[in-house]
C-alpha atoms as a PDB file:
ATOM      1  CA  MET A   1     -12.881 -29.946  11.088  1.00  0.00           C
ATOM      2  CA  LYS A   2     -12.877 -32.824   8.978  1.00  0.00           C
ATOM      3  CA  GLU A   3     -15.319 -31.188   6.395  1.00  0.00           C
ATOM      4  CA  ALA A   4     -13.226 -28.092   6.253  1.00  0.00           C
ATOM      5  CA  LEU A   5     -10.335 -30.350   5.657  1.00  0.00           C
ATOM      6  CA  LEU A   6     -11.539 -32.080   2.798  1.00  0.00           C
ATOM      7  CA  ASN A   7     -13.440 -29.313   1.133  1.00  0.00           C
ATOM      8  CA  ASP A   8     -11.577 -28.334  -2.231  1.00  0.00           C
ATOM      9  CA  ASN A   9     -13.923 -24.711  -1.995  1.00  0.00           C
ATOM     10  CA  TRP A  10     -12.059 -23.913   1.329  1.00  0.00           C
ATOM     11  CA  TRP A  11      -8.547 -24.736   0.211  1.00  0.00           C
ATOM     12  CA  MET A  12      -8.884 -22.813  -2.756  1.00  0.00           C
ATOM     13  CA  LYS A  13      -9.699 -19.936  -0.460  1.00  0.00           C
ATOM     14  CA  VAL A  14      -6.656 -20.453   1.647  1.00  0.00           C
ATOM     15  CA  ASP A  15      -4.514 -20.804  -1.424  1.00  0.00           C
ATOM     16  CA  TYR A  16      -5.874 -17.526  -2.313  1.00  0.00           C
ATOM     17  CA  VAL A  17      -5.041 -15.519   1.000  1.00  0.00           C
ATOM     18  CA  LEU A  18      -1.666 -17.253   0.814  1.00  0.00           C
ATOM     19  CA  ALA A  19      -1.044 -15.928  -2.734  1.00  0.00           C
ATOM     20  CA  PHE A  20      -1.287 -12.106  -1.833  1.00  0.00           C
ATOM     21  CA  THR A  21      -0.267 -12.509   1.981  1.00  0.00           C
ATOM     22  CA  VAL A  22       3.161 -14.036   0.904  1.00  0.00           C
ATOM     23  CA  PRO A  23       4.633 -11.055  -0.970  1.00  0.00           C
ATOM     24  CA  ILE A  24       3.187  -8.908   1.952  1.00  0.00           C
ATOM     25  CA  TYR A  25       5.106 -10.690   4.217  1.00  0.00           C
ATOM     26  CA  ASP A  26       8.351 -10.824   2.247  1.00  0.00           C
ATOM     27  CA  VAL A  27       8.329  -7.134   2.034  1.00  0.00           C
ATOM     28  CA  LEU A  28       7.914  -6.936   5.815  1.00  0.00           C
ATOM     29  CA  LYS A  29      10.972  -9.254   6.005  1.00  0.00           C
ATOM     30  CA  LYS A  30      12.947  -7.323   3.857  1.00  0.00           C
ATOM     31  CA  THR A  31      12.280  -3.821   5.073  1.00  0.00           C
ATOM     32  CA  ASN A  32      15.695  -3.516   6.723  1.00  0.00           C
ATOM     33  CA  THR A  33      17.442  -3.619   3.774  1.00  0.00           C
ATOM     34  CA  TYR A  34      18.146  -1.312   0.930  1.00  0.00           C
ATOM     35  CA  MET A  35      17.095  -3.924  -1.664  1.00  0.00           C
ATOM     36  CA  ALA A  36      14.305  -2.520  -4.274  1.00  0.00           C
ATOM     37  CA  THR A  37      11.017  -4.944  -4.379  1.00  0.00           C
ATOM     38  CA  LEU A  38       8.275  -5.343  -6.603  1.00  0.00           C
ATOM     39  CA  HIS A  39       5.914  -7.064  -4.290  1.00  0.00           C
ATOM     40  CA  PHE A  40       3.209  -4.604  -4.493  1.00  0.00           C
ATOM     41  CA  PHE A  41       2.766  -5.778  -8.150  1.00  0.00           C
ATOM     42  CA  GLU A  42       2.496  -9.100  -7.359  1.00  0.00           C
ATOM     43  CA  VAL A  43       0.158  -8.611  -4.670  1.00  0.00           C
ATOM     44  CA  ARG A  44      -2.192  -6.585  -7.118  1.00  0.00           C
ATOM     45  CA  LYS A  45      -1.280  -9.199 -10.161  1.00  0.00           C
ATOM     46  CA  VAL A  46      -2.590 -11.997  -7.870  1.00  0.00           C
ATOM     47  CA  ILE A  47      -5.658 -10.149  -6.630  1.00  0.00           C
ATOM     48  CA  PHE A  48      -6.840  -8.892 -10.173  1.00  0.00           C
ATOM     49  CA  GLN A  49      -6.233 -12.467 -11.537  1.00  0.00           C
ATOM     50  CA  HIS A  50      -8.619 -13.862  -9.258  1.00  0.00           C
ATOM     51  CA  GLU A  51     -11.158 -11.409  -9.760  1.00  0.00           C
ATOM     52  CA  ARG A  52     -10.612 -11.588 -13.282  1.00  0.00           C
ATOM     53  CA  LYS A  53     -10.066  -8.265 -13.933  1.00  0.00           C
ATOM     54  CA  THR A  54      -7.810  -6.102 -16.259  1.00  0.00           C
ATOM     55  CA  GLU A  55      -5.154  -3.535 -14.878  1.00  0.00           C
ATOM     56  CA  VAL A  56      -7.065  -0.813 -15.944  1.00  0.00           C
ATOM     57  CA  GLU A  57     -10.269  -1.829 -13.656  1.00  0.00           C
ATOM     58  CA  TYR A  58     -11.288  -1.180 -10.255  1.00  0.00           C
ATOM     59  CA  SER A  59     -10.854  -3.872  -7.345  1.00  0.00           C
ATOM     60  CA  SER A  60     -12.421  -2.560  -3.942  1.00  0.00           C
ATOM     61  CA  PHE A  61     -10.654  -5.575  -2.325  1.00  0.00           C
ATOM     62  CA  PHE A  62      -7.146  -4.381  -3.500  1.00  0.00           C
ATOM     63  CA  GLU A  63      -7.628  -0.902  -2.052  1.00  0.00           C
ATOM     64  CA  ILE A  64      -8.529  -2.353   1.014  1.00  0.00           C
ATOM     65  CA  VAL A  65      -5.139  -4.520   1.128  1.00  0.00           C
ATOM     66  CA  ASN A  66      -3.215  -1.569  -0.386  1.00  0.00           C
END
C-alpha cells in the first residue's frame, strides 16, 4: 500500500479516472432537473486529451465509456 501511495504513475492514473468520471457523476446528480448539461463533451475532451487524439480521430475507450 505504501508503494502505491508514493507512486506518481498510480496517482496520474487516479487523476485520469477522476477527470472523466466526475462529469458523469455530475450528470447523474442532475438527472432530475430540466437544466441542459454539456458534461458528455467534457468527458470526451478529457479522454481525447489523455490519448493525445484530435476530435476527428477514433477512441475505443471513449466508445466504451459512451
